[in-house]
Amino acid sequence: MRSVERTYEYLDGLALVALLRADNLDAQLFDENFVRQNWFHILAYGGFRVMVPSTELDHALQLCDSYHRGEFSLISEECEEPTCPACHRYSGKTDLTPRRRVFATLFLAYFFVGIPFNFATWDAGLLIMSTLGVSLPLLMPNLLRHFVSGRYRCSNCDHVWKSHPDRPFSEQQLQA
């Protein structure tokens, strides 16, 4: 077995091993468990070694060089950013405005609802807080998902849209 590469990042080592194995090379990540036992000493241990048999060394070195040059990278536009329905460009970014509104609402609700109930009489405050304490956790995940998730803003034309309107994750998973 010969060393193709030495890396100090565990995920980089796993990615290289997966790349080499995808090309039918017998690649192994050496020192994986040893280094992960005491990762504070990763520099002293020398990191992780990606190893292949001696007969496959030249081909593995070529693949590693191609990997470091970025020949296997994906086009980020098609992977990361959704297409804007108005201008049809890959320029959708997550819209943070609804998240800020939800945070401001919860913050103001604490001051206008939570603090006065602390000074209310014991019986009335206990009744109202117990009712809210039971009903709000049941409603909050659905409300947050409706108002926050899947909202995008185009960085090109400033169009705002919502994708996947309230479809369950199981449907999205089957479609993917």
C-alpha atoms as a PDB file:
ATOM      1  CA  MET A   1       0.000   0.000   0.000  1.00  0.00           C
ATOM      2  CA  ARG A   2       1.226   3.462  -0.896  1.00  0.00           C
ATOM      3  CA  SER A   3       0.131   6.857   0.381  1.00  0.00           C
ATOM      4  CA  VAL A   4      -1.600   9.054  -2.162  1.00  0.00           C
ATOM      5  CA  GLU A   5      -2.334  11.966   0.128  1.00  0.00           C
ATOM      6  CA  ARG A   6      -2.092  13.037   3.748  1.00  0.00           C
ATOM      7  CA  THR A   7      -4.841  15.270   5.091  1.00  0.00           C
ATOM      8  CA  TYR A   8      -5.688  16.768   8.460  1.00  0.00           C
ATOM      9  CA  GLU A   9      -9.408  16.994   7.682  1.00  0.00           C
ATOM     10  CA  TYR A  10     -11.394  13.815   8.234  1.00  0.00           C
ATOM     11  CA  LEU A  11     -14.086  14.673   5.671  1.00  0.00           C
ATOM     12  CA  ASP A  12     -11.500  15.510   3.012  1.00  0.00           C
ATOM     13  CA  GLY A  13      -9.979  12.080   3.530  1.00  0.00           C
ATOM     14  CA  LEU A  14     -13.353  10.401   3.232  1.00  0.00           C
ATOM     15  CA  ALA A  15     -14.153  12.394   0.083  1.00  0.00           C
ATOM     16  CA  LEU A  16     -10.887  11.339  -1.555  1.00  0.00           C
ATOM     17  CA  VAL A  17     -11.453   7.699  -0.624  1.00  0.00           C
ATOM     18  CA  ALA A  18     -14.975   7.857  -2.077  1.00  0.00           C
ATOM     19  CA  LEU A  19     -13.633   9.446  -5.268  1.00  0.00           C
ATOM     20  CA  LEU A  20     -10.979   6.763  -5.702  1.00  0.00           C
ATOM     21  CA  ARG A  21     -13.415   3.952  -4.925  1.00  0.00           C
ATOM     22  CA  ALA A  22     -15.867   5.357  -7.476  1.00  0.00           C
ATOM     23  CA  ASP A  23     -13.145   4.811 -10.084  1.00  0.00           C
ATOM     24  CA  ASN A  24     -12.763   1.155  -8.944  1.00  0.00           C
ATOM     25  CA  LEU A  25      -9.561   1.720  -6.980  1.00  0.00           C
ATOM     26  CA  ASP A  26      -9.023  -0.066  -3.671  1.00  0.00           C
ATOM     27  CA  ALA A  27      -8.572   3.030  -1.503  1.00  0.00           C
ATOM     28  CA  GLN A  28      -8.401   3.031   2.308  1.00  0.00           C
ATOM     29  CA  LEU A  29      -8.284   5.776   4.910  1.00  0.00           C
ATOM     30  CA  PHE A  30      -5.469   4.824   7.276  1.00  0.00           C
ATOM     31  CA  ASP A  31      -5.088   6.039  10.868  1.00  0.00           C
ATOM     32  CA  GLU A  32      -8.776   6.944  10.876  1.00  0.00           C
ATOM     33  CA  ASN A  33      -9.719   5.581  14.281  1.00  0.00           C
ATOM     34  CA  PHE A  34      -6.323   6.227  15.855  1.00  0.00           C
ATOM     35  CA  VAL A  35      -6.312   9.947  15.058  1.00  0.00           C
ATOM     36  CA  ARG A  36      -9.976  10.425  15.919  1.00  0.00           C
ATOM     37  CA  GLN A  37      -9.394   9.052  19.421  1.00  0.00           C
ATOM     38  CA  ASN A  38      -7.281  12.060  20.364  1.00  0.00           C
ATOM     39  CA  TRP A  39      -7.850  14.731  17.739  1.00  0.00           C
ATOM     40  CA  PHE A  40      -5.997  17.373  19.768  1.00  0.00           C
ATOM     41  CA  HIS A  41      -2.794  15.645  18.677  1.00  0.00           C
ATOM     42  CA  ILE A  42      -3.739  15.360  15.000  1.00  0.00           C
ATOM     43  CA  LEU A  43      -0.630  17.278  13.895  1.00  0.00           C
ATOM     44  CA  ALA A  44       1.635  15.059  15.962  1.00  0.00           C
ATOM     45  CA  TYR A  45       0.044  11.937  14.503  1.00  0.00           C
ATOM     46  CA  GLY A  46       0.424  13.234  10.964  1.00  0.00           C
ATOM     47  CA  GLY A  47      -3.251  13.311  10.088  1.00  0.00           C
ATOM     48  CA  PHE A  48      -5.079  10.804   7.935  1.00  0.00           C
ATOM     49  CA  ARG A  49      -3.448   8.907   5.083  1.00  0.00           C
ATOM     50  CA  VAL A  50      -5.274   7.938   1.896  1.00  0.00           C
ATOM     51  CA  MET A  51      -3.699   4.676   0.756  1.00  0.00           C
ATOM     52  CA  VAL A  52      -3.983   2.615  -2.447  1.00  0.00           C
ATOM     53  CA  PRO A  53      -2.156  -0.513  -3.676  1.00  0.00           C
ATOM     54  CA  SER A  54       1.189   0.146  -5.371  1.00  0.00           C
ATOM     55  CA  THR A  55      -0.139  -0.980  -8.751  1.00  0.00           C
ATOM     56  CA  GLU A  56      -2.857   1.714  -8.706  1.00  0.00           C
ATOM     57  CA  LEU A  57      -0.699   4.588  -7.431  1.00  0.00           C
ATOM     58  CA  ASP A  58      -0.252   6.484 -10.720  1.00  0.00           C
ATOM     59  CA  HIS A  59      -3.944   6.492 -11.541  1.00  0.00           C
ATOM     60  CA  ALA A  60      -4.828   7.534  -7.971  1.00  0.00           C
ATOM     61  CA  LEU A  61      -2.350  10.442  -8.082  1.00  0.00           C
ATOM     62  CA  GLN A  62      -3.910  11.679 -11.342  1.00  0.00           C
ATOM     63  CA  LEU A  63      -7.392  11.558  -9.808  1.00  0.00           C
ATOM     64  CA  CYS A  64      -6.218  13.423  -6.694  1.00  0.00           C
ATOM     65  CA  ASP A  65      -4.605  16.122  -8.817  1.00  0.00           C
ATOM     66  CA  SER A  66      -7.835  16.503 -10.816  1.00  0.00           C
ATOM     67  CA  TYR A  67      -9.790  16.728  -7.550  1.00  0.00           C
ATOM     68  CA  HIS A  68      -7.534  19.504  -6.206  1.00  0.00           C
ATOM     69  CA  ARG A  69      -7.739  21.435  -9.486  1.00  0.00           C
ATOM     70  CA  GLY A  70     -11.545  21.434  -9.110  1.00  0.00           C
ATOM     71  CA  GLU A  71     -12.399  19.369 -12.177  1.00  0.00           C
ATOM     72  CA  PHE A  72     -15.055  17.414 -10.248  1.00  0.00           C
ATOM     73  CA  SER A  73     -16.811  20.433  -8.738  1.00  0.00           C
ATOM     74  CA  LEU A  74     -20.465  20.951  -9.504  1.00  0.00           C
ATOM     75  CA  ILE A  75     -21.931  24.127 -10.948  1.00  0.00           C
ATOM     76  CA  SER A  76     -23.059  26.012  -7.864  1.00  0.00           C
ATOM     77  CA  GLU A  77     -25.924  27.745  -9.657  1.00  0.00           C
ATOM     78  CA  GLU A  78     -27.671  24.472 -10.432  1.00  0.00           C
ATOM     79  CA  CYS A  79     -27.072  22.970  -6.985  1.00  0.00           C
ATOM     80  CA  GLU A  80     -27.493  25.662  -4.407  1.00  0.00           C
ATOM     81  CA  GLU A  81     -29.773  28.392  -5.661  1.00  0.00           C
ATOM     82  CA  PRO A  82     -33.360  27.952  -6.846  1.00  0.00           C
ATOM     83  CA  THR A  83     -34.580  29.460 -10.110  1.00  0.00           C
ATOM     84  CA  CYS A  84     -36.458  32.737  -9.867  1.00  0.00           C
ATOM     85  CA  PRO A  85     -39.944  32.398 -11.424  1.00  0.00           C
ATOM     86  CA  ALA A  86     -39.857  36.030 -12.636  1.00  0.00           C
ATOM     87  CA  CYS A  87     -36.456  36.348 -14.350  1.00  0.00           C
ATOM     88  CA  HIS A  88     -35.614  32.598 -14.666  1.00  0.00           C
ATOM     89  CA  ARG A  89     -32.082  32.931 -13.287  1.00  0.00           C
ATOM     90  CA  TYR A  90     -30.394  30.854 -10.594  1.00  0.00           C
ATOM     91  CA  SER A  91     -30.328  33.728  -8.128  1.00  0.00           C
ATOM     92  CA  GLY A  92     -32.713  32.790  -5.305  1.00  0.00           C
ATOM     93  CA  LYS A  93     -31.481  33.435  -1.783  1.00  0.00           C
ATOM     94  CA  THR A  94     -33.287  32.643   1.447  1.00  0.00           C
ATOM     95  CA  ASP A  95     -35.565  35.532   2.403  1.00  0.00           C
ATOM     96  CA  LEU A  96     -34.798  36.591   5.975  1.00  0.00           C
ATOM     97  CA  THR A  97     -37.655  39.085   6.321  1.00  0.00           C
ATOM     98  CA  PRO A  98     -40.268  36.566   7.593  1.00  0.00           C
ATOM     99  CA  ARG A  99     -37.789  35.213  10.148  1.00  0.00           C
ATOM    100  CA  ARG A 100     -37.157  38.697  11.462  1.00  0.00           C
ATOM    101  CA  ARG A 101     -40.894  39.340  11.697  1.00  0.00           C
ATOM    102  CA  VAL A 102     -41.492  36.113  13.642  1.00  0.00           C
ATOM    103  CA  PHE A 103     -38.648  36.947  16.026  1.00  0.00           C
ATOM    104  CA  ALA A 104     -39.993  40.476  16.574  1.00  0.00           C
ATOM    105  CA  THR A 105     -43.503  39.100  17.179  1.00  0.00           C
ATOM    106  CA  LEU A 106     -42.286  36.601  19.773  1.00  0.00           C
ATOM    107  CA  PHE A 107     -40.159  39.272  21.434  1.00  0.00           C
ATOM    108  CA  LEU A 108     -43.058  41.729  21.648  1.00  0.00           C
ATOM    109  CA  ALA A 109     -45.462  38.992  22.769  1.00  0.00           C
ATOM    110  CA  TYR A 110     -43.214  38.270  25.714  1.00  0.00           C
ATOM    111  CA  PHE A 111     -43.321  41.889  26.880  1.00  0.00           C
ATOM    112  CA  PHE A 112     -47.014  42.545  26.236  1.00  0.00           C
ATOM    113  CA  VAL A 113     -48.377  39.136  27.271  1.00  0.00           C
ATOM    114  CA  GLY A 114     -45.802  37.359  29.411  1.00  0.00           C
ATOM    115  CA  ILE A 115     -44.761  40.139  31.775  1.00  0.00           C
ATOM    116  CA  PRO A 116     -48.302  41.350  32.681  1.00  0.00           C
ATOM    117  CA  PHE A 117     -49.337  37.780  33.522  1.00  0.00           C
ATOM    118  CA  ASN A 118     -46.468  37.542  35.961  1.00  0.00           C
ATOM    119  CA  PHE A 119     -48.015  40.387  37.934  1.00  0.00           C
ATOM    120  CA  ALA A 120     -51.618  39.132  37.616  1.00  0.00           C
ATOM    121  CA  THR A 121     -53.377  37.293  40.359  1.00  0.00           C
ATOM    122  CA  TRP A 122     -52.215  33.757  40.893  1.00  0.00           C
ATOM    123  CA  ASP A 123     -55.412  32.004  39.729  1.00  0.00           C
ATOM    124  CA  ALA A 124     -55.969  34.034  36.554  1.00  0.00           C
ATOM    125  CA  GLY A 125     -52.301  34.019  35.592  1.00  0.00           C
ATOM    126  CA  LEU A 126     -52.014  30.282  36.176  1.00  0.00           C
ATOM    127  CA  LEU A 127     -55.111  29.536  34.111  1.00  0.00           C
ATOM    128  CA  ILE A 128     -54.077  31.705  31.163  1.00  0.00           C
ATOM    129  CA  MET A 129     -50.447  30.574  31.176  1.00  0.00           C
ATOM    130  CA  SER A 130     -51.400  26.901  31.382  1.00  0.00           C
ATOM    131  CA  THR A 131     -53.806  27.330  28.454  1.00  0.00           C
ATOM    132  CA  LEU A 132     -51.135  29.106  26.404  1.00  0.00           C
ATOM    133  CA  GLY A 133     -48.510  26.622  27.525  1.00  0.00           C
ATOM    134  CA  VAL A 134     -50.540  23.740  26.121  1.00  0.00           C
ATOM    135  CA  SER A 135     -51.847  25.345  22.928  1.00  0.00           C
ATOM    136  CA  LEU A 136     -48.812  27.324  21.697  1.00  0.00           C
ATOM    137  CA  PRO A 137     -46.348  24.415  21.389  1.00  0.00           C
ATOM    138  CA  LEU A 138     -48.930  22.571  19.312  1.00  0.00           C
ATOM    139  CA  LEU A 139     -49.433  25.517  16.961  1.00  0.00           C
ATOM    140  CA  MET A 140     -45.920  27.012  16.749  1.00  0.00           C
ATOM    141  CA  PRO A 141     -44.193  24.442  14.475  1.00  0.00           C
ATOM    142  CA  ASN A 142     -46.919  24.682  11.848  1.00  0.00           C
ATOM    143  CA  LEU A 143     -47.044  28.474  12.046  1.00  0.00           C
ATOM    144  CA  LEU A 144     -43.273  28.806  11.801  1.00  0.00           C
ATOM    145  CA  ARG A 145     -43.123  26.375   8.891  1.00  0.00           C
ATOM    146  CA  HIS A 146     -45.866  28.286   7.080  1.00  0.00           C
ATOM    147  CA  PHE A 147     -44.368  31.742   7.575  1.00  0.00           C
ATOM    148  CA  VAL A 148     -40.641  30.997   7.422  1.00  0.00           C
ATOM    149  CA  SER A 149     -39.650  27.913   5.422  1.00  0.00           C
ATOM    150  CA  GLY A 150     -39.335  27.855   1.657  1.00  0.00           C
ATOM    151  CA  ARG A 151     -39.346  31.621   1.121  1.00  0.00           C
ATOM    152  CA  TYR A 152     -36.859  33.051  -1.357  1.00  0.00           C
ATOM    153  CA  ARG A 153     -35.855  36.454  -2.705  1.00  0.00           C
ATOM    154  CA  CYS A 154     -34.172  36.886  -6.086  1.00  0.00           C
ATOM    155  CA  SER A 155     -30.908  38.776  -5.813  1.00  0.00           C
ATOM    156  CA  ASN A 156     -31.268  39.873  -9.436  1.00  0.00           C
ATOM    157  CA  CYS A 157     -34.826  41.260  -9.717  1.00  0.00           C
ATOM    158  CA  ASP A 158     -35.824  41.321  -5.999  1.00  0.00           C
ATOM    159  CA  HIS A 159     -38.838  39.077  -6.631  1.00  0.00           C
ATOM    160  CA  VAL A 160     -40.153  37.193  -3.555  1.00  0.00           C
ATOM    161  CA  TRP A 161     -41.744  33.750  -3.805  1.00  0.00           C
ATOM    162  CA  LYS A 162     -42.493  30.645  -1.795  1.00  0.00           C
ATOM    163  CA  SER A 163     -41.553  27.221  -3.089  1.00  0.00           C
ATOM    164  CA  HIS A 164     -43.128  23.892  -2.115  1.00  0.00           C
ATOM    165  CA  PRO A 165     -46.243  25.303  -0.467  1.00  0.00           C
ATOM    166  CA  ASP A 166     -46.714  23.241   2.670  1.00  0.00           C
ATOM    167  CA  ARG A 167     -45.988  19.852   1.155  1.00  0.00           C
ATOM    168  CA  PRO A 168     -44.973  17.179   3.641  1.00  0.00           C
ATOM    169  CA  PHE A 169     -41.343  16.095   3.624  1.00  0.00           C
ATOM    170  CA  SER A 170     -42.356  12.558   2.599  1.00  0.00           C
ATOM    171  CA  GLU A 171     -43.854  13.884  -0.654  1.00  0.00           C
ATOM    172  CA  GLN A 172     -40.780  15.989  -1.370  1.00  0.00           C
ATOM    173  CA  GLN A 173     -38.561  12.983  -0.692  1.00  0.00           C
ATOM    174  CA  LEU A 174     -40.552  10.762  -3.064  1.00  0.00           C
ATOM    175  CA  GLN A 175     -40.456  13.423  -5.777  1.00  0.00           C
ATOM    176  CA  ALA A 176     -36.700  13.859  -5.427  1.00  0.00           C
END
